[in-house]
C-alpha atoms as a PDB file:
ATOM      1  CA  MET A   1      62.972   5.706  35.938  1.00  0.00           C
ATOM      2  CA  GLU A   2      59.328   6.338  36.790  1.00  0.00           C
ATOM      3  CA  SER A   3      56.596   6.793  34.214  1.00  0.00           C
ATOM      4  CA  ILE A   4      56.066  10.298  32.918  1.00  0.00           C
ATOM      5  CA  ILE A   5      52.466  11.453  32.921  1.00  0.00           C
ATOM      6  CA  LEU A   6      51.100  14.319  30.842  1.00  0.00           C
ATOM      7  CA  LYS A   7      48.137  16.022  32.480  1.00  0.00           C
ATOM      8  CA  LYS A   8      46.064  19.151  32.353  1.00  0.00           C
ATOM      9  CA  THR A   9      46.641  21.380  35.380  1.00  0.00           C
ATOM     10  CA  ASP A  10      43.745  23.398  36.796  1.00  0.00           C
ATOM     11  CA  ASP A  11      44.872  24.057  40.387  1.00  0.00           C
ATOM     12  CA  PHE A  12      46.760  27.331  40.249  1.00  0.00           C
ATOM     13  CA  THR A  13      47.478  27.355  43.994  1.00  0.00           C
ATOM     14  CA  SER A  14      49.287  23.991  43.957  1.00  0.00           C
ATOM     15  CA  SER A  15      52.986  23.213  44.336  1.00  0.00           C
ATOM     16  CA  GLU A  16      52.709  21.813  40.817  1.00  0.00           C
ATOM     17  CA  PHE A  17      51.798  25.266  39.485  1.00  0.00           C
ATOM     18  CA  GLU A  18      54.583  26.822  41.550  1.00  0.00           C
ATOM     19  CA  GLN A  19      57.057  24.421  39.912  1.00  0.00           C
ATOM     20  CA  VAL A  20      55.714  25.424  36.486  1.00  0.00           C
ATOM     21  CA  LEU A  21      56.282  29.094  37.317  1.00  0.00           C
ATOM     22  CA  ASN A  22      59.847  28.348  38.434  1.00  0.00           C
ATOM     23  CA  ILE A  23      60.602  26.584  35.150  1.00  0.00           C
ATOM     24  CA  TYR A  24      58.887  29.396  33.227  1.00  0.00           C
ATOM     25  CA  SER A  25      60.938  32.094  34.949  1.00  0.00           C
ATOM     26  CA  VAL A  26      64.305  30.489  34.176  1.00  0.00           C
ATOM     27  CA  SER A  27      63.485  29.321  30.658  1.00  0.00           C
ATOM     28  CA  PHE A  28      62.618  32.555  28.872  1.00  0.00           C
ATOM     29  CA  PRO A  29      64.094  36.059  28.774  1.00  0.00           C
ATOM     30  CA  PRO A  30      61.893  38.519  30.681  1.00  0.00           C
ATOM     31  CA  VAL A  31      61.066  40.441  27.485  1.00  0.00           C
ATOM     32  CA  GLU A  32      59.488  37.269  26.046  1.00  0.00           C
ATOM     33  CA  THR A  33      57.251  36.416  29.003  1.00  0.00           C
ATOM     34  CA  LYS A  34      53.812  37.413  30.148  1.00  0.00           C
ATOM     35  CA  PRO A  35      53.270  38.538  33.741  1.00  0.00           C
ATOM     36  CA  VAL A  36      52.011  35.707  35.966  1.00  0.00           C
ATOM     37  CA  GLU A  37      48.783  37.643  36.573  1.00  0.00           C
ATOM     38  CA  LYS A  38      48.123  37.707  32.817  1.00  0.00           C
ATOM     39  CA  ILE A  39      48.729  33.950  32.555  1.00  0.00           C
ATOM     40  CA  LEU A  40      46.329  33.329  35.440  1.00  0.00           C
ATOM     41  CA  ASP A  41      43.671  35.500  33.771  1.00  0.00           C
ATOM     42  CA  LEU A  42      44.093  33.572  30.518  1.00  0.00           C
ATOM     43  CA  LEU A  43      43.929  30.211  32.309  1.00  0.00           C
ATOM     44  CA  LYS A  44      40.629  31.187  33.925  1.00  0.00           C
ATOM     45  CA  GLY A  45      39.096  31.488  30.452  1.00  0.00           C
ATOM     46  CA  ASP A  46      38.048  28.682  28.137  1.00  0.00           C
ATOM     47  CA  ASP A  47      40.730  28.947  25.434  1.00  0.00           C
ATOM     48  CA  TYR A  48      44.046  28.830  27.343  1.00  0.00           C
ATOM     49  CA  HIS A  49      45.367  25.633  28.918  1.00  0.00           C
ATOM     50  CA  LEU A  50      48.285  24.374  30.977  1.00  0.00           C
ATOM     51  CA  TYR A  51      49.607  20.844  30.533  1.00  0.00           C
ATOM     52  CA  THR A  52      52.370  19.446  32.701  1.00  0.00           C
ATOM     53  CA  ALA A  53      54.706  16.497  32.300  1.00  0.00           C
ATOM     54  CA  MET A  54      54.975  14.867  35.713  1.00  0.00           C
ATOM     55  CA  GLU A  55      57.198  12.245  37.296  1.00  0.00           C
ATOM     56  CA  LYS A  56      55.624  11.457  40.671  1.00  0.00           C
ATOM     57  CA  SER A  57      55.102  14.927  42.195  1.00  0.00           C
ATOM     58  CA  LYS A  58      57.875  16.612  40.213  1.00  0.00           C
ATOM     59  CA  VAL A  59      57.075  18.779  37.187  1.00  0.00           C
ATOM     60  CA  LEU A  60      59.503  17.940  34.377  1.00  0.00           C
ATOM     61  CA  GLY A  61      58.059  20.323  31.830  1.00  0.00           C
ATOM     62  CA  PHE A  62      54.961  22.211  30.754  1.00  0.00           C
ATOM     63  CA  SER A  63      53.164  23.719  27.826  1.00  0.00           C
ATOM     64  CA  LEU A  64      50.808  26.677  27.741  1.00  0.00           C
ATOM     65  CA  LEU A  65      48.574  26.792  24.717  1.00  0.00           C
ATOM     66  CA  TYR A  66      45.510  28.341  23.190  1.00  0.00           C
ATOM     67  CA  VAL A  67      42.889  25.895  21.930  1.00  0.00           C
ATOM     68  CA  PHE A  68      40.141  27.311  19.749  1.00  0.00           C
ATOM     69  CA  SER A  69      37.638  24.465  19.552  1.00  0.00           C
ATOM     70  CA  ASP A  70      35.241  26.240  17.220  1.00  0.00           C
ATOM     71  CA  LEU A  71      38.081  26.789  14.720  1.00  0.00           C
ATOM     72  CA  LYS A  72      39.629  23.370  15.417  1.00  0.00           C
ATOM     73  CA  ILE A  73      43.099  24.846  15.881  1.00  0.00           C
ATOM     74  CA  GLY A  74      45.595  25.329  18.676  1.00  0.00           C
ATOM     75  CA  LEU A  75      48.520  27.672  19.207  1.00  0.00           C
ATOM     76  CA  LEU A  76      51.463  26.802  21.425  1.00  0.00           C
ATOM     77  CA  ASP A  77      52.357  29.830  23.540  1.00  0.00           C
ATOM     78  CA  TYR A  78      55.154  28.443  25.753  1.00  0.00           C
ATOM     79  CA  MET A  79      56.843  25.099  26.259  1.00  0.00           C
ATOM     80  CA  ALA A  80      59.793  24.363  28.528  1.00  0.00           C
ATOM     81  CA  VAL A  81      61.423  21.571  30.518  1.00  0.00           C
ATOM     82  CA  ARG A  82      63.196  21.590  33.844  1.00  0.00           C
ATOM     83  CA  PRO A  83      66.783  22.744  33.047  1.00  0.00           C
ATOM     84  CA  VAL A  84      68.418  19.754  34.734  1.00  0.00           C
ATOM     85  CA  TYR A  85      66.216  17.279  32.906  1.00  0.00           C
END
């Protein structure tokens, strides 16, 4: 088993981001998800972040969260892992 790395993802045109979207789409009922365009808009701001758990070039899981530095709090929005993992 390879090492699992947790990293912040900022490239929203990458295959890594595409893998995140695939996991996102199969992990939550449609009524509980945001449109991808809304997620991209949030990620372009300062308070919303995407972290991925990676094994080599494969995304194993992700978390989307709000971080409010001035308030020193965070809010987990979504977290999911690859279904076969």
